[in-house]
Amino acid sequence: MSELKTKLPTDTWVVASWEEFIEMADSPAYKKAKCYYRNGQMRIETLSVSPDRARYNAIALFAVNIFCTIKNIPVNGFNQCSYRQTGVRECQPDLSYYIEERAKFAPRGTSIASLDVTPPPDLVIEVADSTLADDIGEKRLLYEELKVAEYWVVDVQKSEIVAFAIIADNGSRRIARSEVLPGLTISVLEEALRRSRTQDQAQVGAWLLSQFQQPQTVDI
């Protein structure tokens, strides 16, 4: 396996056994990498995080948290939590959330969240800078198989969000409004991303508060 470690490419999907993936994913050399496994293939992402990507991650995190707070929606969220279904698949989304009655089932502890004993999150978010094609392609298939309820891809280059509702045993479909967070319109989040280009996070946060405190969130 030592030879595999030195030659296996990163930031792309490559054929690998589950055992090979685990050795790579658990290696100290990849402690800061994002690890994915699906359908006999693995992807180890070691790409650096750009300022825009980091900022959009922060905006998305704040937006979901403050929306749930204002609307009194029970929620437990995670930043880059790893989820593992032994021998089958693994993912490490940028953000993930357990919502409403399922908030109490959110994983705890210091090890990787085991999907053998814990249900998958309701909402998963990937923030894509140079990984957009993969995030809306192979990773979307991965999250469909995990049976998350909703999957968003934040397109850093275009300041857009491609949101999908996962349909049980039938793939996914595009949505303009969140179904796991009723009243939350995707276009409002996109406007917050655009505002963050010229405004500081306090200003963007104040604008989001004004939108979320309205009786019903409307399209921009």
N, C-alpha and C. Protein backbone atom coordinates (compact mmCIF):
# COMPACT_ATOMS: atom_id res chain seq x y z
N MET A 1 0.81 -1.22 0.00
CA MET A 1 0.00 0.00 0.00
C MET A 1 0.84 1.27 0.00
N SER A 2 2.13 1.17 0.50
CA SER A 2 2.95 2.36 0.52
C SER A 2 3.19 2.88 -0.88
N GLU A 3 3.31 1.93 -1.85
CA GLU A 3 3.51 2.34 -3.25
C GLU A 3 2.25 3.04 -3.76
N LEU A 4 1.07 2.53 -3.38
CA LEU A 4 -0.18 3.13 -3.81
C LEU A 4 -0.28 4.56 -3.30
N LYS A 5 0.13 4.80 -2.05
CA LYS A 5 0.04 6.13 -1.46
C LYS A 5 0.85 7.15 -2.25
N THR A 6 1.98 6.74 -2.77
CA THR A 6 2.84 7.71 -3.44
C THR A 6 2.39 7.97 -4.88
N LYS A 7 1.63 7.02 -5.47
CA LYS A 7 1.29 7.16 -6.87
C LYS A 7 -0.18 7.50 -7.13
N LEU A 8 -1.05 7.24 -6.16
CA LEU A 8 -2.47 7.46 -6.39
C LEU A 8 -2.76 8.95 -6.54
N PRO A 9 -3.38 9.36 -7.66
CA PRO A 9 -3.65 10.79 -7.86
C PRO A 9 -4.76 11.29 -6.95
N THR A 10 -4.70 12.56 -6.64
CA THR A 10 -5.73 13.20 -5.83
C THR A 10 -6.57 14.12 -6.70
N ASP A 11 -7.70 14.60 -6.12
CA ASP A 11 -8.59 15.56 -6.78
C ASP A 11 -9.20 15.00 -8.07
N THR A 12 -9.33 13.68 -8.13
CA THR A 12 -10.02 13.01 -9.23
C THR A 12 -10.51 11.66 -8.72
N TRP A 13 -11.48 11.09 -9.40
CA TRP A 13 -11.99 9.77 -9.01
C TRP A 13 -11.09 8.69 -9.60
N VAL A 14 -10.67 7.75 -8.76
CA VAL A 14 -9.82 6.63 -9.20
C VAL A 14 -10.38 5.34 -8.62
N VAL A 15 -10.19 4.25 -9.34
CA VAL A 15 -10.64 2.95 -8.89
C VAL A 15 -9.83 2.53 -7.66
N ALA A 16 -10.52 2.07 -6.63
CA ALA A 16 -9.84 1.63 -5.41
C ALA A 16 -10.79 0.74 -4.61
N SER A 17 -10.23 -0.21 -3.90
CA SER A 17 -11.02 -1.02 -2.99
C SER A 17 -11.35 -0.21 -1.75
N TRP A 18 -12.31 -0.68 -0.98
CA TRP A 18 -12.65 0.00 0.27
C TRP A 18 -11.44 0.04 1.20
N GLU A 19 -10.68 -1.05 1.25
CA GLU A 19 -9.52 -1.12 2.14
C GLU A 19 -8.46 -0.10 1.72
N GLU A 20 -8.26 0.05 0.42
CA GLU A 20 -7.30 1.04 -0.07
C GLU A 20 -7.77 2.46 0.28
N PHE A 21 -9.06 2.69 0.12
CA PHE A 21 -9.60 4.01 0.46
C PHE A 21 -9.41 4.32 1.93
N ILE A 22 -9.73 3.38 2.81
CA ILE A 22 -9.61 3.61 4.25
C ILE A 22 -8.16 3.92 4.63
N GLU A 23 -7.22 3.18 4.04
CA GLU A 23 -5.81 3.44 4.36
C GLU A 23 -5.41 4.86 3.95
N MET A 24 -5.89 5.29 2.79
CA MET A 24 -5.61 6.65 2.35
C MET A 24 -6.33 7.68 3.22
N ALA A 25 -7.62 7.49 3.44
CA ALA A 25 -8.42 8.46 4.16
C ALA A 25 -7.96 8.63 5.60
N ASP A 26 -7.49 7.54 6.21
CA ASP A 26 -7.06 7.58 7.61
C ASP A 26 -5.59 7.91 7.77
N SER A 27 -4.88 8.14 6.67
CA SER A 27 -3.47 8.46 6.75
C SER A 27 -3.26 9.89 7.25
N PRO A 28 -2.31 10.12 8.15
CA PRO A 28 -2.02 11.49 8.61
C PRO A 28 -1.66 12.44 7.47
N ALA A 29 -1.15 11.89 6.36
CA ALA A 29 -0.77 12.72 5.22
C ALA A 29 -1.98 13.41 4.60
N TYR A 30 -3.17 12.84 4.82
CA TYR A 30 -4.39 13.40 4.23
C TYR A 30 -5.37 13.87 5.31
N LYS A 31 -4.82 14.26 6.44
CA LYS A 31 -5.65 14.69 7.57
C LYS A 31 -6.52 15.88 7.21
N LYS A 32 -6.03 16.78 6.37
CA LYS A 32 -6.78 17.98 6.00
C LYS A 32 -7.51 17.84 4.66
N ALA A 33 -7.47 16.66 4.07
CA ALA A 33 -8.13 16.44 2.78
C ALA A 33 -9.59 16.06 2.99
N LYS A 34 -10.40 16.24 1.94
CA LYS A 34 -11.78 15.78 1.93
C LYS A 34 -11.84 14.44 1.21
N CYS A 35 -12.53 13.48 1.81
CA CYS A 35 -12.49 12.11 1.31
C CYS A 35 -13.87 11.62 0.88
N TYR A 36 -13.94 11.02 -0.30
CA TYR A 36 -15.19 10.51 -0.84
C TYR A 36 -14.97 9.10 -1.40
N TYR A 37 -16.01 8.26 -1.28
CA TYR A 37 -15.94 6.92 -1.86
C TYR A 37 -17.32 6.54 -2.36
N ARG A 38 -17.38 6.02 -3.58
CA ARG A 38 -18.65 5.60 -4.18
C ARG A 38 -18.39 4.62 -5.31
N ASN A 39 -19.15 3.54 -5.33
CA ASN A 39 -19.17 2.64 -6.48
C ASN A 39 -17.78 2.16 -6.88
N GLY A 40 -16.98 1.79 -5.87
CA GLY A 40 -15.65 1.26 -6.14
C GLY A 40 -14.63 2.29 -6.58
N GLN A 41 -14.93 3.57 -6.36
CA GLN A 41 -14.00 4.65 -6.69
C GLN A 41 -13.83 5.59 -5.50
N MET A 42 -12.66 6.19 -5.43
CA MET A 42 -12.38 7.12 -4.35
C MET A 42 -11.92 8.46 -4.91
N ARG A 43 -12.15 9.50 -4.11
CA ARG A 43 -11.68 10.83 -4.46
C ARG A 43 -11.13 11.48 -3.20
N ILE A 44 -9.88 11.89 -3.24
CA ILE A 44 -9.25 12.61 -2.14
C ILE A 44 -8.99 14.03 -2.62
N GLU A 45 -9.69 15.00 -2.04
CA GLU A 45 -9.55 16.39 -2.46
C GLU A 45 -8.55 17.11 -1.57
N THR A 46 -7.51 17.63 -2.19
CA THR A 46 -6.47 18.37 -1.46
C THR A 46 -6.35 19.79 -1.98
N LEU A 47 -7.36 20.24 -2.73
CA LEU A 47 -7.30 21.58 -3.30
C LEU A 47 -7.31 22.64 -2.21
N SER A 48 -6.57 23.72 -2.42
CA SER A 48 -6.55 24.81 -1.45
C SER A 48 -7.88 25.54 -1.47
N VAL A 49 -8.21 26.20 -0.38
CA VAL A 49 -9.47 26.93 -0.24
C VAL A 49 -9.23 28.41 -0.54
N SER A 50 -9.88 28.91 -1.59
CA SER A 50 -9.72 30.31 -1.97
C SER A 50 -10.50 31.21 -1.02
N PRO A 51 -10.15 32.51 -0.96
CA PRO A 51 -10.93 33.44 -0.11
C PRO A 51 -12.41 33.48 -0.48
N ASP A 52 -12.74 33.46 -1.78
CA ASP A 52 -14.15 33.49 -2.18
C ASP A 52 -14.87 32.24 -1.71
N ARG A 53 -14.24 31.09 -1.85
CA ARG A 53 -14.87 29.84 -1.42
C ARG A 53 -15.08 29.83 0.08
N ALA A 54 -14.09 30.29 0.83
CA ALA A 54 -14.22 30.33 2.28
C ALA A 54 -15.31 31.31 2.70
N ARG A 55 -15.40 32.45 2.00
CA ARG A 55 -16.42 33.45 2.34
C ARG A 55 -17.82 32.92 2.07
N TYR A 56 -18.00 32.26 0.93
CA TYR A 56 -19.32 31.73 0.60
C TYR A 56 -19.72 30.61 1.55
N ASN A 57 -18.75 29.83 1.99
CA ASN A 57 -19.02 28.80 2.99
C ASN A 57 -19.55 29.46 4.27
N ALA A 58 -18.92 30.55 4.68
CA ALA A 58 -19.34 31.26 5.89
C ALA A 58 -20.73 31.87 5.74
N ILE A 59 -21.02 32.41 4.55
CA ILE A 59 -22.34 33.01 4.31
C ILE A 59 -23.42 31.94 4.35
N ALA A 60 -23.18 30.80 3.69
CA ALA A 60 -24.16 29.72 3.69
C ALA A 60 -24.40 29.19 5.10
N LEU A 61 -23.33 29.03 5.85
CA LEU A 61 -23.44 28.57 7.23
C LEU A 61 -24.28 29.53 8.07
N PHE A 62 -23.98 30.82 7.96
CA PHE A 62 -24.72 31.83 8.72
C PHE A 62 -26.18 31.87 8.29
N ALA A 63 -26.43 31.83 6.98
CA ALA A 63 -27.79 31.97 6.47
C ALA A 63 -28.70 30.87 6.98
N VAL A 64 -28.24 29.63 6.90
CA VAL A 64 -29.08 28.51 7.36
C VAL A 64 -29.29 28.58 8.86
N ASN A 65 -28.23 28.87 9.59
CA ASN A 65 -28.35 28.92 11.05
C ASN A 65 -29.29 30.03 11.51
N ILE A 66 -29.17 31.22 10.92
CA ILE A 66 -30.00 32.33 11.36
C ILE A 66 -31.45 32.14 10.91
N PHE A 67 -31.66 31.53 9.73
CA PHE A 67 -33.02 31.24 9.28
C PHE A 67 -33.71 30.29 10.27
N CYS A 68 -33.02 29.24 10.66
CA CYS A 68 -33.60 28.29 11.60
C CYS A 68 -33.85 28.93 12.96
N THR A 69 -32.97 29.83 13.37
CA THR A 69 -33.15 30.52 14.65
C THR A 69 -34.39 31.40 14.62
N ILE A 70 -34.53 32.20 13.57
CA ILE A 70 -35.66 33.12 13.45
C ILE A 70 -36.97 32.35 13.32
N LYS A 71 -36.97 31.27 12.56
CA LYS A 71 -38.18 30.49 12.32
C LYS A 71 -38.44 29.43 13.38
N ASN A 72 -37.56 29.38 14.37
CA ASN A 72 -37.70 28.42 15.48
C ASN A 72 -37.73 26.98 14.96
N ILE A 73 -36.81 26.66 14.05
CA ILE A 73 -36.70 25.33 13.49
C ILE A 73 -35.56 24.58 14.19
N PRO A 74 -35.83 23.46 14.84
CA PRO A 74 -34.75 22.70 15.46
C PRO A 74 -33.73 22.27 14.41
N VAL A 75 -32.46 22.44 14.71
CA VAL A 75 -31.42 22.11 13.73
C VAL A 75 -30.11 21.80 14.44
N ASN A 76 -29.36 20.88 13.88
CA ASN A 76 -27.98 20.62 14.27
C ASN A 76 -27.15 20.57 12.99
N GLY A 77 -26.16 21.46 12.89
CA GLY A 77 -25.37 21.56 11.67
C GLY A 77 -23.91 21.25 11.90
N PHE A 78 -23.22 20.88 10.82
CA PHE A 78 -21.82 20.49 10.89
C PHE A 78 -21.03 21.08 9.73
N ASN A 79 -19.80 21.48 10.02
CA ASN A 79 -18.88 22.01 9.02
C ASN A 79 -17.83 20.94 8.72
N GLN A 80 -17.87 20.37 7.51
CA GLN A 80 -16.94 19.34 7.05
C GLN A 80 -16.93 18.11 7.97
N CYS A 81 -18.11 17.62 8.28
CA CYS A 81 -18.23 16.36 9.02
C CYS A 81 -18.13 15.20 8.03
N SER A 82 -17.40 14.15 8.41
CA SER A 82 -17.26 12.97 7.57
C SER A 82 -18.34 11.94 7.92
N TYR A 83 -18.96 11.37 6.89
CA TYR A 83 -19.99 10.34 7.06
C TYR A 83 -19.53 9.07 6.36
N ARG A 84 -19.59 7.94 7.06
CA ARG A 84 -19.09 6.67 6.52
C ARG A 84 -20.12 5.57 6.63
N GLN A 85 -20.43 4.94 5.48
CA GLN A 85 -21.22 3.72 5.45
C GLN A 85 -20.25 2.61 5.11
N THR A 86 -19.91 1.79 6.10
CA THR A 86 -18.80 0.87 6.01
C THR A 86 -18.86 -0.01 4.77
N GLY A 87 -17.77 0.01 4.02
CA GLY A 87 -17.63 -0.84 2.86
C GLY A 87 -18.36 -0.37 1.62
N VAL A 88 -19.11 0.74 1.73
CA VAL A 88 -19.97 1.16 0.63
C VAL A 88 -19.64 2.56 0.14
N ARG A 89 -19.68 3.54 1.03
CA ARG A 89 -19.49 4.92 0.60
C ARG A 89 -19.07 5.81 1.76
N GLU A 90 -18.48 6.95 1.40
CA GLU A 90 -18.09 7.96 2.39
C GLU A 90 -18.14 9.33 1.73
N CYS A 91 -18.42 10.35 2.53
CA CYS A 91 -18.44 11.72 2.01
C CYS A 91 -18.04 12.68 3.12
N GLN A 92 -17.64 13.88 2.71
CA GLN A 92 -17.29 14.94 3.65
C GLN A 92 -17.78 16.27 3.09
N PRO A 93 -19.09 16.50 3.15
CA PRO A 93 -19.63 17.75 2.60
C PRO A 93 -19.13 18.96 3.37
N ASP A 94 -19.14 20.12 2.71
CA ASP A 94 -18.73 21.34 3.39
C ASP A 94 -19.65 21.66 4.56
N LEU A 95 -20.96 21.51 4.35
CA LEU A 95 -21.93 21.76 5.41
C LEU A 95 -23.00 20.67 5.36
N SER A 96 -23.52 20.31 6.52
CA SER A 96 -24.60 19.32 6.58
C SER A 96 -25.46 19.60 7.80
N TYR A 97 -26.76 19.29 7.66
CA TYR A 97 -27.73 19.66 8.70
C TYR A 97 -28.75 18.55 8.95
N TYR A 98 -29.05 18.35 10.23
CA TYR A 98 -30.18 17.53 10.67
C TYR A 98 -31.26 18.51 11.14
N ILE A 99 -32.48 18.37 10.62
CA ILE A 99 -33.51 19.40 10.76
C ILE A 99 -34.79 18.83 11.34
N GLU A 100 -35.50 19.72 12.09
CA GLU A 100 -36.79 19.38 12.70
C GLU A 100 -36.62 18.18 13.64
N GLU A 101 -37.53 17.21 13.55
CA GLU A 101 -37.51 16.11 14.51
C GLU A 101 -36.26 15.25 14.39
N ARG A 102 -35.57 15.32 13.24
CA ARG A 102 -34.36 14.52 13.06
C ARG A 102 -33.12 15.20 13.64
N ALA A 103 -33.28 16.43 14.15
CA ALA A 103 -32.14 17.13 14.75
C ALA A 103 -31.57 16.33 15.93
N LYS A 104 -32.44 15.61 16.63
CA LYS A 104 -31.97 14.86 17.79
C LYS A 104 -31.16 13.63 17.41
N PHE A 105 -31.19 13.25 16.12
CA PHE A 105 -30.42 12.09 15.66
C PHE A 105 -29.04 12.48 15.12
N ALA A 106 -28.69 13.75 15.20
CA ALA A 106 -27.38 14.19 14.69
C ALA A 106 -26.26 13.46 15.43
N PRO A 107 -25.21 13.07 14.71
CA PRO A 107 -24.14 12.29 15.33
C PRO A 107 -23.36 13.09 16.37
N ARG A 108 -22.76 12.37 17.30
CA ARG A 108 -21.90 12.96 18.32
C ARG A 108 -20.61 12.14 18.40
N GLY A 109 -19.62 12.69 19.11
CA GLY A 109 -18.38 11.97 19.31
C GLY A 109 -17.23 12.57 18.53
N THR A 110 -16.07 11.94 18.64
CA THR A 110 -14.85 12.47 18.04
C THR A 110 -14.39 11.67 16.83
N SER A 111 -15.13 10.64 16.44
CA SER A 111 -14.75 9.85 15.28
C SER A 111 -15.69 10.15 14.12
N ILE A 112 -15.40 9.55 12.97
CA ILE A 112 -16.24 9.75 11.78
C ILE A 112 -17.66 9.28 12.06
N ALA A 113 -18.65 10.05 11.62
CA ALA A 113 -20.05 9.69 11.82
C ALA A 113 -20.37 8.42 11.03
N SER A 114 -20.87 7.41 11.71
CA SER A 114 -21.17 6.14 11.07
C SER A 114 -22.62 6.11 10.60
N LEU A 115 -22.81 5.97 9.29
CA LEU A 115 -24.16 5.85 8.75
C LEU A 115 -24.71 4.45 8.93
N ASP A 116 -23.93 3.57 9.55
CA ASP A 116 -24.44 2.26 9.92
C ASP A 116 -25.37 2.36 11.13
N VAL A 117 -25.18 3.42 11.93
CA VAL A 117 -25.99 3.57 13.14
C VAL A 117 -26.70 4.92 13.20
N THR A 118 -26.31 5.86 12.33
CA THR A 118 -26.88 7.21 12.32
C THR A 118 -27.52 7.48 10.97
N PRO A 119 -28.70 8.08 10.93
CA PRO A 119 -29.31 8.41 9.64
C PRO A 119 -28.53 9.51 8.93
N PRO A 120 -28.65 9.61 7.61
CA PRO A 120 -27.96 10.67 6.87
C PRO A 120 -28.57 12.03 7.19
N PRO A 121 -27.83 13.11 6.96
CA PRO A 121 -28.38 14.45 7.20
C PRO A 121 -29.51 14.77 6.23
N ASP A 122 -30.32 15.76 6.62
CA ASP A 122 -31.43 16.20 5.76
C ASP A 122 -30.94 17.10 4.63
N LEU A 123 -29.99 17.96 4.94
CA LEU A 123 -29.48 18.93 3.97
C LEU A 123 -27.96 18.84 3.90
N VAL A 124 -27.44 18.74 2.68
CA VAL A 124 -26.00 18.70 2.45
C VAL A 124 -25.65 19.83 1.48
N ILE A 125 -24.55 20.54 1.77
CA ILE A 125 -24.12 21.66 0.92
C ILE A 125 -22.65 21.47 0.56
N GLU A 126 -22.35 21.57 -0.73
CA GLU A 126 -20.97 21.62 -1.20
C GLU A 126 -20.72 23.00 -1.80
N VAL A 127 -19.59 23.61 -1.45
CA VAL A 127 -19.21 24.91 -1.99
C VAL A 127 -18.15 24.67 -3.06
N ALA A 128 -18.50 24.95 -4.32
CA ALA A 128 -17.67 24.54 -5.45
C ALA A 128 -16.98 25.73 -6.10
N ASP A 129 -15.67 25.67 -6.16
CA ASP A 129 -14.89 26.65 -6.91
C ASP A 129 -14.39 25.98 -8.18
N SER A 130 -13.43 25.08 -8.05
CA SER A 130 -12.91 24.35 -9.21
C SER A 130 -13.49 22.95 -9.33
N THR A 131 -14.44 22.58 -8.45
CA THR A 131 -14.97 21.22 -8.43
C THR A 131 -16.44 21.16 -8.85
N LEU A 132 -16.95 22.20 -9.52
CA LEU A 132 -18.38 22.29 -9.81
C LEU A 132 -18.90 21.08 -10.60
N ALA A 133 -18.21 20.69 -11.67
CA ALA A 133 -18.69 19.58 -12.50
C ALA A 133 -18.85 18.31 -11.67
N ASP A 134 -17.91 18.06 -10.79
CA ASP A 134 -17.98 16.86 -9.96
C ASP A 134 -19.09 16.99 -8.92
N ASP A 135 -19.25 18.19 -8.36
CA ASP A 135 -20.25 18.38 -7.31
C ASP A 135 -21.67 18.18 -7.83
N ILE A 136 -21.95 18.60 -9.06
CA ILE A 136 -23.30 18.42 -9.61
C ILE A 136 -23.41 17.10 -10.38
N GLY A 137 -22.30 16.37 -10.47
CA GLY A 137 -22.30 15.10 -11.17
C GLY A 137 -22.17 13.93 -10.22
N GLU A 138 -20.93 13.43 -10.07
CA GLU A 138 -20.68 12.23 -9.28
C GLU A 138 -21.11 12.38 -7.82
N LYS A 139 -20.84 13.53 -7.22
CA LYS A 139 -21.22 13.71 -5.81
C LYS A 139 -22.74 13.77 -5.64
N ARG A 140 -23.42 14.32 -6.63
CA ARG A 140 -24.89 14.34 -6.54
C ARG A 140 -25.42 12.90 -6.52
N LEU A 141 -24.83 12.04 -7.34
CA LEU A 141 -25.23 10.63 -7.32
C LEU A 141 -24.95 10.00 -5.96
N LEU A 142 -23.81 10.37 -5.38
CA LEU A 142 -23.46 9.86 -4.06
C LEU A 142 -24.50 10.26 -3.02
N TYR A 143 -24.91 11.54 -3.04
CA TYR A 143 -25.88 12.00 -2.04
C TYR A 143 -27.27 11.45 -2.31
N GLU A 144 -27.58 11.17 -3.58
CA GLU A 144 -28.84 10.49 -3.88
C GLU A 144 -28.85 9.11 -3.23
N GLU A 145 -27.74 8.39 -3.35
CA GLU A 145 -27.64 7.05 -2.78
C GLU A 145 -27.66 7.08 -1.25
N LEU A 146 -27.13 8.14 -0.67
CA LEU A 146 -27.17 8.30 0.79
C LEU A 146 -28.57 8.63 1.28
N LYS A 147 -29.43 9.06 0.35
CA LYS A 147 -30.82 9.40 0.66
C LYS A 147 -30.92 10.61 1.59
N VAL A 148 -30.05 11.62 1.34
CA VAL A 148 -30.28 12.90 2.00
C VAL A 148 -31.54 13.49 1.37
N ALA A 149 -32.19 14.41 2.06
CA ALA A 149 -33.43 14.96 1.53
C ALA A 149 -33.17 16.07 0.51
N GLU A 150 -32.09 16.84 0.73
CA GLU A 150 -31.86 18.01 -0.12
C GLU A 150 -30.35 18.23 -0.26
N TYR A 151 -29.94 18.66 -1.46
CA TYR A 151 -28.52 18.86 -1.76
C TYR A 151 -28.35 20.17 -2.51
N TRP A 152 -27.47 21.05 -1.98
CA TRP A 152 -27.19 22.33 -2.63
C TRP A 152 -25.73 22.35 -3.07
N VAL A 153 -25.48 22.94 -4.25
CA VAL A 153 -24.12 23.21 -4.70
C VAL A 153 -23.98 24.72 -4.88
N VAL A 154 -23.09 25.32 -4.13
CA VAL A 154 -22.82 26.76 -4.22
C VAL A 154 -21.74 26.97 -5.27
N ASP A 155 -22.11 27.60 -6.37
CA ASP A 155 -21.18 27.89 -7.47
C ASP A 155 -20.47 29.21 -7.17
N VAL A 156 -19.22 29.12 -6.74
CA VAL A 156 -18.47 30.31 -6.33
C VAL A 156 -18.26 31.26 -7.51
N GLN A 157 -17.99 30.71 -8.69
CA GLN A 157 -17.69 31.55 -9.85
C GLN A 157 -18.89 32.41 -10.26
N LYS A 158 -20.09 31.87 -10.20
CA LYS A 158 -21.27 32.58 -10.66
C LYS A 158 -22.14 33.14 -9.53
N SER A 159 -21.75 32.91 -8.29
CA SER A 159 -22.55 33.33 -7.13
C SER A 159 -23.98 32.79 -7.24
N GLU A 160 -24.08 31.52 -7.62
CA GLU A 160 -25.36 30.86 -7.76
C GLU A 160 -25.41 29.60 -6.90
N ILE A 161 -26.63 29.13 -6.66
CA ILE A 161 -26.82 27.89 -5.91
C ILE A 161 -27.68 26.95 -6.74
N VAL A 162 -27.14 25.79 -7.03
CA VAL A 162 -27.90 24.75 -7.72
C VAL A 162 -28.44 23.82 -6.64
N ALA A 163 -29.75 23.85 -6.43
CA ALA A 163 -30.37 23.09 -5.34
C ALA A 163 -31.19 21.94 -5.89
N PHE A 164 -31.08 20.78 -5.23
CA PHE A 164 -31.79 19.59 -5.64
C PHE A 164 -32.58 19.02 -4.46
N ALA A 165 -33.79 18.57 -4.74
CA ALA A 165 -34.53 17.72 -3.81
C ALA A 165 -34.28 16.29 -4.23
N ILE A 166 -33.90 15.44 -3.27
CA ILE A 166 -33.64 14.04 -3.57
C ILE A 166 -34.96 13.27 -3.50
N ILE A 167 -35.27 12.57 -4.57
CA ILE A 167 -36.51 11.80 -4.66
C ILE A 167 -36.19 10.34 -4.37
N ALA A 168 -36.91 9.76 -3.43
CA ALA A 168 -36.63 8.38 -3.02
C ALA A 168 -36.65 7.43 -4.21
N ASP A 169 -35.52 6.76 -4.43
CA ASP A 169 -35.38 5.75 -5.48
C ASP A 169 -35.63 6.30 -6.89
N ASN A 170 -35.53 7.62 -7.04
CA ASN A 170 -35.81 8.19 -8.36
C ASN A 170 -34.94 9.41 -8.66
N GLY A 171 -33.72 9.44 -8.13
CA GLY A 171 -32.80 10.52 -8.47
C GLY A 171 -33.10 11.81 -7.74
N SER A 172 -33.03 12.93 -8.46
CA SER A 172 -33.21 14.24 -7.85
C SER A 172 -33.80 15.19 -8.87
N ARG A 173 -34.31 16.33 -8.38
CA ARG A 173 -34.88 17.35 -9.26
C ARG A 173 -34.48 18.72 -8.74
N ARG A 174 -34.36 19.68 -9.65
CA ARG A 174 -34.01 21.05 -9.28
C ARG A 174 -35.15 21.71 -8.53
N ILE A 175 -34.82 22.55 -7.57
CA ILE A 175 -35.83 23.29 -6.81
C ILE A 175 -35.40 24.75 -6.68
N ALA A 176 -36.38 25.65 -6.58
CA ALA A 176 -36.12 27.07 -6.36
C ALA A 176 -36.37 27.47 -4.91
N ARG A 177 -37.06 26.63 -4.18
CA ARG A 177 -37.32 26.86 -2.76
C ARG A 177 -36.95 25.60 -1.98
N SER A 178 -36.37 25.80 -0.82
CA SER A 178 -36.04 24.65 0.01
C SER A 178 -37.30 23.94 0.47
N GLU A 179 -37.24 22.62 0.49
CA GLU A 179 -38.36 21.83 0.99
C GLU A 179 -38.13 21.36 2.41
N VAL A 180 -36.86 21.31 2.84
CA VAL A 180 -36.58 20.93 4.22
C VAL A 180 -36.58 22.15 5.15
N LEU A 181 -36.48 23.35 4.56
CA LEU A 181 -36.57 24.61 5.31
C LEU A 181 -37.66 25.46 4.66
N PRO A 182 -38.93 25.15 4.92
CA PRO A 182 -40.04 25.84 4.26
C PRO A 182 -39.97 27.36 4.42
N GLY A 183 -40.14 28.07 3.31
CA GLY A 183 -40.08 29.52 3.32
C GLY A 183 -38.74 30.08 2.91
N LEU A 184 -37.75 29.24 2.79
CA LEU A 184 -36.41 29.70 2.40
C LEU A 184 -36.27 29.60 0.88
N THR A 185 -36.11 30.75 0.25
CA THR A 185 -36.01 30.83 -1.21
C THR A 185 -34.54 30.88 -1.62
N ILE A 186 -34.17 30.04 -2.59
CA ILE A 186 -32.78 29.95 -3.01
C ILE A 186 -32.27 31.28 -3.55
N SER A 187 -33.12 32.05 -4.22
CA SER A 187 -32.69 33.32 -4.80
C SER A 187 -32.27 34.32 -3.72
N VAL A 188 -32.87 34.25 -2.54
CA VAL A 188 -32.45 35.12 -1.45
C VAL A 188 -31.02 34.81 -1.02
N LEU A 189 -30.70 33.52 -0.96
CA LEU A 189 -29.34 33.12 -0.60
C LEU A 189 -28.35 33.55 -1.68
N GLU A 190 -28.75 33.45 -2.93
CA GLU A 190 -27.87 33.89 -4.02
C GLU A 190 -27.61 35.39 -3.95
N GLU A 191 -28.63 36.16 -3.60
CA GLU A 191 -28.44 37.60 -3.45
C GLU A 191 -27.48 37.91 -2.31
N ALA A 192 -27.56 37.13 -1.24
CA ALA A 192 -26.62 37.30 -0.13
C ALA A 192 -25.19 37.03 -0.58
N LEU A 193 -25.00 36.01 -1.41
CA LEU A 193 -23.67 35.72 -1.95
C LEU A 193 -23.16 36.89 -2.77
N ARG A 194 -24.00 37.44 -3.64
CA ARG A 194 -23.59 38.58 -4.47
C ARG A 194 -23.26 39.80 -3.61
N ARG A 195 -24.06 40.04 -2.59
CA ARG A 195 -23.79 41.18 -1.71
C ARG A 195 -22.46 41.03 -0.98
N SER A 196 -22.09 39.80 -0.68
CA SER A 196 -20.84 39.58 0.05
C SER A 196 -19.61 39.96 -0.77
N ARG A 197 -19.80 40.17 -2.07
CA ARG A 197 -18.69 40.60 -2.93
C ARG A 197 -18.27 42.04 -2.61
N THR A 198 -19.22 42.85 -2.16
CA THR A 198 -18.93 44.27 -1.92
C THR A 198 -19.24 44.72 -0.50
N GLN A 199 -19.92 43.88 0.28
CA GLN A 199 -20.29 44.23 1.65
C GLN A 199 -19.61 43.30 2.64
N ASP A 200 -19.42 43.80 3.87
CA ASP A 200 -18.86 42.92 4.88
C ASP A 200 -19.94 41.98 5.40
N GLN A 201 -19.54 40.98 6.18
CA GLN A 201 -20.48 39.95 6.60
C GLN A 201 -21.54 40.48 7.56
N ALA A 202 -21.22 41.52 8.32
CA ALA A 202 -22.23 42.11 9.19
C ALA A 202 -23.34 42.75 8.37
N GLN A 203 -22.97 43.42 7.28
CA GLN A 203 -23.97 44.04 6.41
C GLN A 203 -24.82 42.98 5.71
N VAL A 204 -24.17 41.93 5.22
CA VAL A 204 -24.91 40.84 4.58
C VAL A 204 -25.84 40.17 5.59
N GLY A 205 -25.33 39.98 6.79
CA GLY A 205 -26.15 39.36 7.83
C GLY A 205 -27.36 40.19 8.18
N ALA A 206 -27.18 41.51 8.26
CA ALA A 206 -28.31 42.39 8.56
C ALA A 206 -29.36 42.32 7.45
N TRP A 207 -28.90 42.24 6.19
CA TRP A 207 -29.85 42.13 5.08
C TRP A 207 -30.61 40.81 5.15
N LEU A 208 -29.90 39.71 5.45
CA LEU A 208 -30.56 38.43 5.58
C LEU A 208 -31.59 38.44 6.70
N LEU A 209 -31.25 39.06 7.81
CA LEU A 209 -32.20 39.16 8.92
C LEU A 209 -33.48 39.87 8.48
N SER A 210 -33.31 40.96 7.72
CA SER A 210 -34.49 41.70 7.26
C SER A 210 -35.36 40.85 6.34
N GLN A 211 -34.73 39.98 5.54
CA GLN A 211 -35.48 39.11 4.65
C GLN A 211 -36.20 37.99 5.42
N PHE A 212 -35.49 37.39 6.35
CA PHE A 212 -36.04 36.25 7.07
C PHE A 212 -37.11 36.66 8.07
N GLN A 213 -37.09 37.91 8.50
CA GLN A 213 -38.09 38.37 9.47
C GLN A 213 -39.40 38.76 8.82
N GLN A 214 -39.43 38.78 7.49
CA GLN A 214 -40.68 39.03 6.79
C GLN A 214 -41.61 37.83 6.99
N PRO A 215 -42.93 38.04 6.91
CA PRO A 215 -43.87 36.92 7.12
C PRO A 215 -43.59 35.73 6.23
N GLN A 216 -43.16 35.99 4.99
CA GLN A 216 -42.81 34.91 4.08
C GLN A 216 -41.71 35.40 3.15
N THR A 217 -40.65 34.59 3.03
CA THR A 217 -39.54 34.94 2.16
C THR A 217 -40.02 34.97 0.70
N VAL A 218 -39.68 36.03 -0.02
CA VAL A 218 -40.13 36.17 -1.39
C VAL A 218 -38.96 36.09 -2.34
N ASP A 219 -39.24 35.83 -3.61
CA ASP A 219 -38.17 35.79 -4.62
C ASP A 219 -37.63 37.18 -4.86
N ILE A 220 -36.34 37.27 -5.15
CA ILE A 220 -35.70 38.54 -5.49
C ILE A 220 -36.06 38.91 -6.92
